[in-house]
Amino acid sequence: MALMITAECINCDVCEPECPNDAIYMGVDIYEIDPRKCTECVGHFSEQQCQQVCPVECIPFNPAWRETAEELRAKYERLQLAESSSG
């Protein structure tokens, strides 16, 4: 499943640059995660980078976006293909 940022976010700016898929962006009030781009860092790292750097631990798994490891890997591959064809 994708990750999400909760209202506890303090807008410290440390998570956004850590996301290898550019899934984290500034929302209206706090940072948000685009679940269509979030692969939980599958294909890039063994652990979710945003969760590792978050000082207030406000980045849980998003229960609305349940995905298997295989689905996350397939999403990673689609994102990589799209990035390589646009660049």
C-alpha atoms as a PDB file:
ATOM      1  CA  MET A   1       0.000   0.000   0.000  1.00  0.00           C
ATOM      2  CA  ALA A   2       1.070   3.567  -0.479  1.00  0.00           C
ATOM      3  CA  LEU A   3       2.052   5.806   2.381  1.00  0.00           C
ATOM      4  CA  MET A   4       0.214   8.911   3.590  1.00  0.00           C
ATOM      5  CA  ILE A   5       1.070  11.960   5.652  1.00  0.00           C
ATOM      6  CA  THR A   6      -1.188  12.736   8.594  1.00  0.00           C
ATOM      7  CA  ALA A   7      -2.241  16.055  10.120  1.00  0.00           C
ATOM      8  CA  GLU A   8       0.602  15.748  12.636  1.00  0.00           C
ATOM      9  CA  CYS A   9       2.978  16.886   9.861  1.00  0.00           C
ATOM     10  CA  ILE A  10       5.053  19.895  10.945  1.00  0.00           C
ATOM     11  CA  ASN A  11       6.143  20.838   7.395  1.00  0.00           C
ATOM     12  CA  CYS A  12       9.785  20.331   8.252  1.00  0.00           C
ATOM     13  CA  ASP A  13      10.644  19.683   4.580  1.00  0.00           C
ATOM     14  CA  VAL A  14      12.790  16.583   5.179  1.00  0.00           C
ATOM     15  CA  CYS A  15      10.576  13.951   3.537  1.00  0.00           C
ATOM     16  CA  GLU A  16       9.988  15.549   0.131  1.00  0.00           C
ATOM     17  CA  PRO A  17      13.582  15.391  -1.170  1.00  0.00           C
ATOM     18  CA  GLU A  18      13.964  11.799   0.072  1.00  0.00           C
ATOM     19  CA  CYS A  19      11.222  10.401  -2.180  1.00  0.00           C
ATOM     20  CA  PRO A  20      12.780   8.686  -5.211  1.00  0.00           C
ATOM     21  CA  ASN A  21       9.469   8.822  -7.110  1.00  0.00           C
ATOM     22  CA  ASP A  22       8.640  12.501  -6.488  1.00  0.00           C
ATOM     23  CA  ALA A  23       5.405  11.347  -4.851  1.00  0.00           C
ATOM     24  CA  ILE A  24       5.622  13.847  -1.978  1.00  0.00           C
ATOM     25  CA  TYR A  25       4.477  17.406  -2.589  1.00  0.00           C
ATOM     26  CA  MET A  26       3.290  20.392  -0.584  1.00  0.00           C
ATOM     27  CA  GLY A  27      -0.483  20.334  -0.236  1.00  0.00           C
ATOM     28  CA  VAL A  28      -2.744  23.108   0.976  1.00  0.00           C
ATOM     29  CA  ASP A  29      -1.641  22.855   4.627  1.00  0.00           C
ATOM     30  CA  ILE A  30       0.817  19.974   4.899  1.00  0.00           C
ATOM     31  CA  TYR A  31       2.869  17.700   2.696  1.00  0.00           C
ATOM     32  CA  GLU A  32       0.928  15.009   0.872  1.00  0.00           C
ATOM     33  CA  ILE A  33       1.796  11.785  -0.939  1.00  0.00           C
ATOM     34  CA  ASP A  34       0.439  10.909  -4.369  1.00  0.00           C
ATOM     35  CA  PRO A  35      -0.499   7.236  -3.936  1.00  0.00           C
ATOM     36  CA  ARG A  36      -0.222   6.698  -7.694  1.00  0.00           C
ATOM     37  CA  LYS A  37       3.507   7.445  -7.439  1.00  0.00           C
ATOM     38  CA  CYS A  38       4.310   5.969  -4.014  1.00  0.00           C
ATOM     39  CA  THR A  39       5.956   2.548  -4.236  1.00  0.00           C
ATOM     40  CA  GLU A  40       7.043   2.489  -0.567  1.00  0.00           C
ATOM     41  CA  CYS A  41      10.532   2.866  -2.079  1.00  0.00           C
ATOM     42  CA  VAL A  42      10.287  -0.583  -3.708  1.00  0.00           C
ATOM     43  CA  GLY A  43      12.888  -0.711  -6.454  1.00  0.00           C
ATOM     44  CA  HIS A  44      14.987   1.986  -4.822  1.00  0.00           C
ATOM     45  CA  PHE A  45      15.537   1.184  -1.136  1.00  0.00           C
ATOM     46  CA  SER A  46      14.788  -1.591   1.336  1.00  0.00           C
ATOM     47  CA  GLU A  47      13.028   0.820   3.714  1.00  0.00           C
ATOM     48  CA  GLN A  48      10.637   3.717   3.198  1.00  0.00           C
ATOM     49  CA  GLN A  49      12.891   6.764   3.158  1.00  0.00           C
ATOM     50  CA  CYS A  50      10.275   9.318   4.177  1.00  0.00           C
ATOM     51  CA  GLN A  51       9.369   7.302   7.255  1.00  0.00           C
ATOM     52  CA  GLN A  52      13.035   7.041   8.193  1.00  0.00           C
ATOM     53  CA  VAL A  53      13.617  10.805   8.210  1.00  0.00           C
ATOM     54  CA  CYS A  54      10.280  12.009   9.606  1.00  0.00           C
ATOM     55  CA  PRO A  55      10.900  13.506  13.063  1.00  0.00           C
ATOM     56  CA  VAL A  56       7.248  13.256  14.174  1.00  0.00           C
ATOM     57  CA  GLU A  57       6.451   9.828  12.694  1.00  0.00           C
ATOM     58  CA  CYS A  58       3.406  11.063  10.784  1.00  0.00           C
ATOM     59  CA  ILE A  59       3.792   8.846   7.695  1.00  0.00           C
ATOM     60  CA  PRO A  60       1.824   5.624   8.146  1.00  0.00           C
ATOM     61  CA  PHE A  61       0.625   3.198   5.500  1.00  0.00           C
ATOM     62  CA  ASN A  62      -2.476   4.391   3.661  1.00  0.00           C
ATOM     63  CA  PRO A  63      -5.236   1.814   4.248  1.00  0.00           C
ATOM     64  CA  ALA A  64      -7.142   3.116   1.210  1.00  0.00           C
ATOM     65  CA  TRP A  65      -4.310   2.019  -1.127  1.00  0.00           C
ATOM     66  CA  ARG A  66      -3.616  -1.637  -0.402  1.00  0.00           C
ATOM     67  CA  GLU A  67      -1.008  -3.093  -2.756  1.00  0.00           C
ATOM     68  CA  THR A  68       0.984  -6.289  -2.747  1.00  0.00           C
ATOM     69  CA  ALA A  69       4.744  -6.386  -3.136  1.00  0.00           C
ATOM     70  CA  GLU A  70       4.202  -7.464  -6.738  1.00  0.00           C
ATOM     71  CA  GLU A  71       1.876  -4.533  -7.413  1.00  0.00           C
ATOM     72  CA  LEU A  72       4.380  -2.109  -5.883  1.00  0.00           C
ATOM     73  CA  ARG A  73       7.159  -3.573  -8.059  1.00  0.00           C
ATOM     74  CA  ALA A  74       4.954  -3.256 -11.164  1.00  0.00           C
ATOM     75  CA  LYS A  75       4.158   0.377 -10.256  1.00  0.00           C
ATOM     76  CA  TYR A  76       7.889   1.064  -9.818  1.00  0.00           C
ATOM     77  CA  GLU A  77       8.601  -0.433 -13.266  1.00  0.00           C
ATOM     78  CA  ARG A  78       5.807   1.633 -14.885  1.00  0.00           C
ATOM     79  CA  LEU A  79       7.121   4.819 -13.279  1.00  0.00           C
ATOM     80  CA  GLN A  80      10.674   4.063 -14.429  1.00  0.00           C
ATOM     81  CA  LEU A  81       9.484   3.386 -17.968  1.00  0.00           C
ATOM     82  CA  ALA A  82       7.480   6.622 -18.030  1.00  0.00           C
ATOM     83  CA  GLU A  83      10.449   8.582 -16.688  1.00  0.00           C
ATOM     84  CA  SER A  84      12.871   7.135 -19.218  1.00  0.00           C
ATOM     85  CA  SER A  85      10.541   7.796 -22.148  1.00  0.00           C
ATOM     86  CA  SER A  86       9.871  11.396 -21.089  1.00  0.00           C
ATOM     87  CA  GLY A  87      13.487  12.291 -20.470  1.00  0.00           C
END
